[in-house]
Amino acid sequence: MYKILNIGHRGAKGHIAENTIESIEKALEFQVDGIEIDVHVCASGELVVFHDFTLDRMTNGSGEVSKHTLSELQKLKVEHEYTIPTLENVLNFIDAKCLLNIELKGKDTAIKICEVIKNCIENSNWDYSDFIVSSFQHHELETVFKTNQNIPLAVLTKASVMEAMEFAKTIKAKTIHPNVALLTQENVKLAQNQGFSVNTWTINDKKTIARMKRYGVNGIISDYPDSL
């Protein structure tokens, strides 16, 4: 029986504020196989770990993440308690203990991510196989592919499994990340037969987890990785 990857969504989002070191620590306590995070480039050039394009929902700040410097962002509180980490903070904290799925959210993240991953592999315990770089933004994935073809890529979709596979072939991505609502047993098998791994999101209830296991997906991304 093959093992389905248990991937914590933004750390362990269902337990502690998403994309924080504390949420990632909680996911590691659950012995996840992987952790999914999101990155933007901030105004001072660093990659910061944050989901939304704006600060308003999650912090006591407002406006676009990309318009704030790192020092400005780190003065803010996420859900009144936590700080916004950099990607470097997260990499140092995880220290290759599990797979890291980095979703490129903001624009112009691709070149930066290639630099950080290459540096990380050359100077620490990480290997290319410890990473997946995913995005809905095709141009960012294309830039990663053109810059460093050693970096494993995944195509995110909430529209079409078939379209995701077609685009994935153009950038030699081996993984697709479809929303759970798109999946049938047939299209999961079709994707796998064409050489793709299928990691699906975001699944939090036992019934859907059981159904995805029956479908034979390769990975499940969940806010509650302890549920798997």
Protein backbone atom coordinates (compact mmCIF):
# COMPACT_ATOMS: atom_id res chain seq x y z
CA MET A 1 0.00 0.00 0.00
CA TYR A 2 1.55 3.31 -1.06
CA LYS A 3 1.69 6.20 1.38
CA ILE A 4 -0.41 9.31 0.76
CA LEU A 5 1.58 12.44 1.59
CA ASN A 6 0.14 14.37 4.53
CA ILE A 7 0.77 18.04 3.77
CA GLY A 8 -0.05 20.75 6.31
CA HIS A 9 -1.81 23.72 4.71
CA ARG A 10 0.01 26.95 5.61
CA GLY A 11 1.47 24.97 8.50
CA ALA A 12 -1.39 23.66 10.61
CA LYS A 13 -3.84 26.44 9.70
CA GLY A 14 -6.77 24.86 11.54
CA HIS A 15 -4.89 25.02 14.84
CA ILE A 16 -2.65 28.13 14.77
CA ALA A 17 -2.55 31.25 12.59
CA GLU A 18 -1.55 30.33 9.04
CA ASN A 19 1.95 30.78 7.64
CA THR A 20 3.54 31.49 11.01
CA ILE A 21 6.50 29.67 12.53
CA GLU A 22 4.20 28.53 15.32
CA SER A 23 1.77 26.99 12.82
CA ILE A 24 4.64 25.25 11.05
CA GLU A 25 5.93 23.96 14.38
CA LYS A 26 2.47 22.52 15.13
CA ALA A 27 2.44 20.76 11.73
CA LEU A 28 5.84 19.23 12.49
CA GLU A 29 4.50 18.00 15.82
CA PHE A 30 1.86 16.11 13.81
CA GLN A 31 4.75 14.47 11.87
CA VAL A 32 3.56 15.72 8.49
CA ASP A 33 5.28 14.63 5.30
CA GLY A 34 5.16 18.16 3.97
CA ILE A 35 4.18 21.75 4.68
CA GLU A 36 2.64 24.20 2.22
CA ILE A 37 3.37 27.93 2.54
CA ASP A 38 2.84 31.05 0.41
CA VAL A 39 5.36 33.74 -0.51
CA HIS A 40 5.42 37.35 -1.69
CA VAL A 41 8.29 39.72 -2.40
CA CYS A 42 8.09 42.69 -0.02
CA ALA A 43 9.17 46.25 -0.82
CA SER A 44 12.70 45.74 0.51
CA GLY A 45 13.20 42.64 -1.66
CA GLU A 46 12.87 39.73 0.78
CA LEU A 47 10.52 36.79 0.32
CA VAL A 48 7.95 36.85 3.12
CA VAL A 49 5.59 34.02 4.06
CA PHE A 50 2.02 35.29 3.83
CA HIS A 51 -1.05 34.18 1.90
CA ASP A 52 -3.11 37.25 1.05
CA PHE A 53 -2.01 40.05 -1.25
CA THR A 54 -3.19 42.50 1.43
CA LEU A 55 -2.57 42.65 5.17
CA ASP A 56 -6.09 43.50 6.30
CA ARG A 57 -7.59 40.04 6.98
CA MET A 58 -4.77 38.55 9.02
CA THR A 59 -2.93 41.46 10.67
CA ASN A 60 -3.33 44.80 12.44
CA GLY A 61 -1.93 46.47 9.32
CA SER A 62 -3.51 47.34 5.99
CA GLY A 63 -2.58 47.67 2.35
CA GLU A 64 -0.59 45.47 -0.01
CA VAL A 65 2.13 43.18 1.32
CA SER A 66 4.39 44.12 -1.59
CA LYS A 67 4.26 47.83 -0.71
CA HIS A 68 5.72 47.29 2.79
CA THR A 69 9.37 46.73 3.74
CA LEU A 70 10.40 43.76 5.82
CA SER A 71 10.98 45.94 8.88
CA GLU A 72 7.47 47.38 8.52
CA LEU A 73 5.93 43.92 8.12
CA GLN A 74 7.74 42.49 11.12
CA LYS A 75 6.27 45.19 13.37
CA LEU A 76 2.78 43.88 12.61
CA LYS A 77 0.93 41.15 14.48
CA VAL A 78 -0.79 38.22 12.77
CA GLU A 79 -4.02 37.51 14.67
CA HIS A 80 -2.81 39.84 17.48
CA GLU A 81 -0.01 37.46 18.46
CA TYR A 82 2.36 36.20 15.76
CA THR A 83 4.91 37.73 13.40
CA ILE A 84 5.23 37.44 9.63
CA PRO A 85 8.26 35.22 8.89
CA THR A 86 10.63 35.40 5.96
CA LEU A 87 11.16 32.36 3.78
CA GLU A 88 14.68 32.18 5.23
CA ASN A 89 13.17 31.95 8.73
CA VAL A 90 10.97 29.06 7.63
CA LEU A 91 13.77 27.19 5.85
CA ASN A 92 16.02 27.49 8.88
CA PHE A 93 13.23 26.33 11.19
CA ILE A 94 12.18 23.30 9.13
CA ASP A 95 15.80 22.40 8.32
CA ALA A 96 14.81 19.76 5.75
CA LYS A 97 12.75 17.76 8.27
CA CYS A 98 9.95 17.46 5.69
CA LEU A 99 8.98 18.40 2.15
CA LEU A 100 8.34 22.13 1.65
CA ASN A 101 5.73 23.21 -0.90
CA ILE A 102 6.27 26.90 -1.68
CA GLU A 103 3.37 28.55 -3.48
CA LEU A 104 4.34 31.62 -5.49
CA LYS A 105 1.58 34.13 -4.73
CA GLY A 106 2.95 37.59 -5.51
CA LYS A 107 4.44 38.72 -8.81
CA ASP A 108 8.18 38.50 -9.46
CA THR A 109 8.64 35.73 -6.92
CA ALA A 110 10.17 33.23 -9.36
CA ILE A 111 13.72 34.59 -9.68
CA LYS A 112 13.94 35.16 -5.93
CA ILE A 113 12.76 31.63 -5.16
CA CYS A 114 15.37 30.15 -7.50
CA GLU A 115 18.11 32.13 -5.74
CA VAL A 116 16.96 31.12 -2.26
CA ILE A 117 16.55 27.41 -3.09
CA LYS A 118 19.93 27.21 -4.85
CA ASN A 119 21.65 28.91 -1.93
CA CYS A 120 19.81 26.66 0.52
CA ILE A 121 20.91 23.48 -1.25
CA GLU A 122 24.52 24.63 -1.55
CA ASN A 123 24.83 25.72 2.08
CA SER A 124 22.52 23.54 4.20
CA ASN A 125 20.85 20.13 4.51
CA TRP A 126 18.26 20.60 1.77
CA ASP A 127 18.05 18.80 -1.58
CA TYR A 128 15.98 19.67 -4.65
CA SER A 129 13.76 16.68 -3.88
CA ASP A 130 12.76 18.38 -0.61
CA PHE A 131 10.95 21.13 -2.52
CA ILE A 132 7.86 21.66 -4.62
CA VAL A 133 7.30 25.12 -6.10
CA SER A 134 3.65 25.61 -7.05
CA SER A 135 1.52 28.43 -8.40
CA PHE A 136 -1.67 29.37 -10.19
CA GLN A 137 0.45 31.93 -12.07
CA HIS A 138 1.78 30.23 -15.16
CA HIS A 139 4.32 32.93 -15.98
CA GLU A 140 5.98 32.56 -12.57
CA LEU A 141 6.28 28.79 -13.04
CA GLU A 142 7.65 29.32 -16.55
CA THR A 143 10.31 31.66 -15.13
CA VAL A 144 11.37 29.08 -12.54
CA PHE A 145 11.56 26.44 -15.27
CA LYS A 146 13.71 28.67 -17.49
CA THR A 147 15.97 29.60 -14.56
CA ASN A 148 16.57 26.26 -12.85
CA GLN A 149 15.12 23.03 -14.21
CA ASN A 150 16.22 21.11 -11.11
CA ILE A 151 13.45 22.69 -9.04
CA PRO A 152 10.34 20.44 -8.89
CA LEU A 153 7.22 22.27 -10.07
CA ALA A 154 3.50 21.79 -9.47
CA VAL A 155 0.60 23.40 -11.32
CA LEU A 156 -2.24 24.63 -9.12
CA THR A 157 -5.74 24.66 -10.54
CA LYS A 158 -9.31 25.25 -9.45
CA ALA A 159 -10.57 25.13 -13.05
CA SER A 160 -9.49 22.03 -14.97
CA VAL A 161 -7.38 18.94 -14.36
CA MET A 162 -6.86 18.51 -18.11
CA GLU A 163 -5.67 22.09 -18.60
CA ALA A 164 -3.32 21.76 -15.63
CA MET A 165 -1.78 18.64 -17.16
CA GLU A 166 -1.37 20.28 -20.56
CA PHE A 167 0.43 23.27 -19.07
CA ALA A 168 2.48 21.03 -16.75
CA LYS A 169 3.92 19.23 -19.77
CA THR A 170 5.28 22.52 -21.16
CA ILE A 171 7.37 23.14 -18.01
CA LYS A 172 8.14 19.47 -17.25
CA ALA A 173 6.20 19.65 -13.98
CA LYS A 174 5.66 16.22 -12.46
CA THR A 175 2.87 17.26 -10.10
CA ILE A 176 -0.55 18.89 -10.33
CA HIS A 177 -2.42 20.43 -7.40
CA PRO A 178 -6.14 20.42 -8.26
CA ASN A 179 -8.88 21.65 -5.96
CA VAL A 180 -10.71 18.66 -4.48
CA ALA A 181 -13.97 19.67 -6.21
CA LEU A 182 -12.40 18.86 -9.59
CA LEU A 183 -11.43 15.28 -8.84
CA THR A 184 -12.99 12.01 -9.87
CA GLN A 185 -11.46 8.58 -9.59
CA GLU A 186 -11.12 8.59 -13.37
CA ASN A 187 -9.23 11.87 -13.77
CA VAL A 188 -6.90 11.03 -10.86
CA LYS A 189 -5.96 7.78 -12.63
CA LEU A 190 -5.67 9.57 -15.97
CA ALA A 191 -3.22 12.09 -14.50
CA GLN A 192 -1.19 9.38 -12.79
CA ASN A 193 -1.11 7.28 -15.96
CA GLN A 194 0.38 10.30 -17.72
CA GLY A 195 3.15 10.46 -15.12
CA PHE A 196 1.80 13.08 -12.74
CA SER A 197 1.47 13.02 -8.98
CA VAL A 198 -1.83 14.45 -7.74
CA ASN A 199 -1.84 16.45 -4.51
CA THR A 200 -5.25 17.91 -3.70
CA TRP A 201 -6.47 20.75 -1.48
CA THR A 202 -7.95 21.79 0.92
CA ILE A 203 -9.49 18.77 2.67
CA ASN A 204 -10.56 18.97 6.29
CA ASP A 205 -13.39 16.49 6.84
CA LYS A 206 -13.07 12.75 7.38
CA LYS A 207 -15.57 11.83 4.67
CA THR A 208 -13.69 13.69 1.93
CA ILE A 209 -10.32 12.45 3.20
CA ALA A 210 -11.64 8.88 2.92
CA ARG A 211 -12.93 9.54 -0.61
CA MET A 212 -9.59 10.96 -1.74
CA LYS A 213 -7.83 7.92 -0.31
CA ARG A 214 -10.19 5.71 -2.35
CA TYR A 215 -9.37 7.76 -5.44
CA GLY A 216 -5.68 7.07 -4.79
CA VAL A 217 -4.38 10.64 -4.75
CA ASN A 218 -0.70 11.06 -3.98
CA GLY A 219 -1.07 13.80 -1.38
CA ILE A 220 -3.68 15.60 0.70
CA ILE A 221 -3.22 19.21 1.76
CA SER A 222 -5.20 19.91 4.94
CA ASP A 223 -5.70 22.64 7.55
CA TYR A 224 -5.88 19.77 10.06
CA PRO A 225 -3.01 17.43 9.16
CA ASP A 226 -3.70 15.50 12.38
CA SER A 227 -6.95 14.33 10.74
CA LEU A 228 -5.09 12.21 8.19
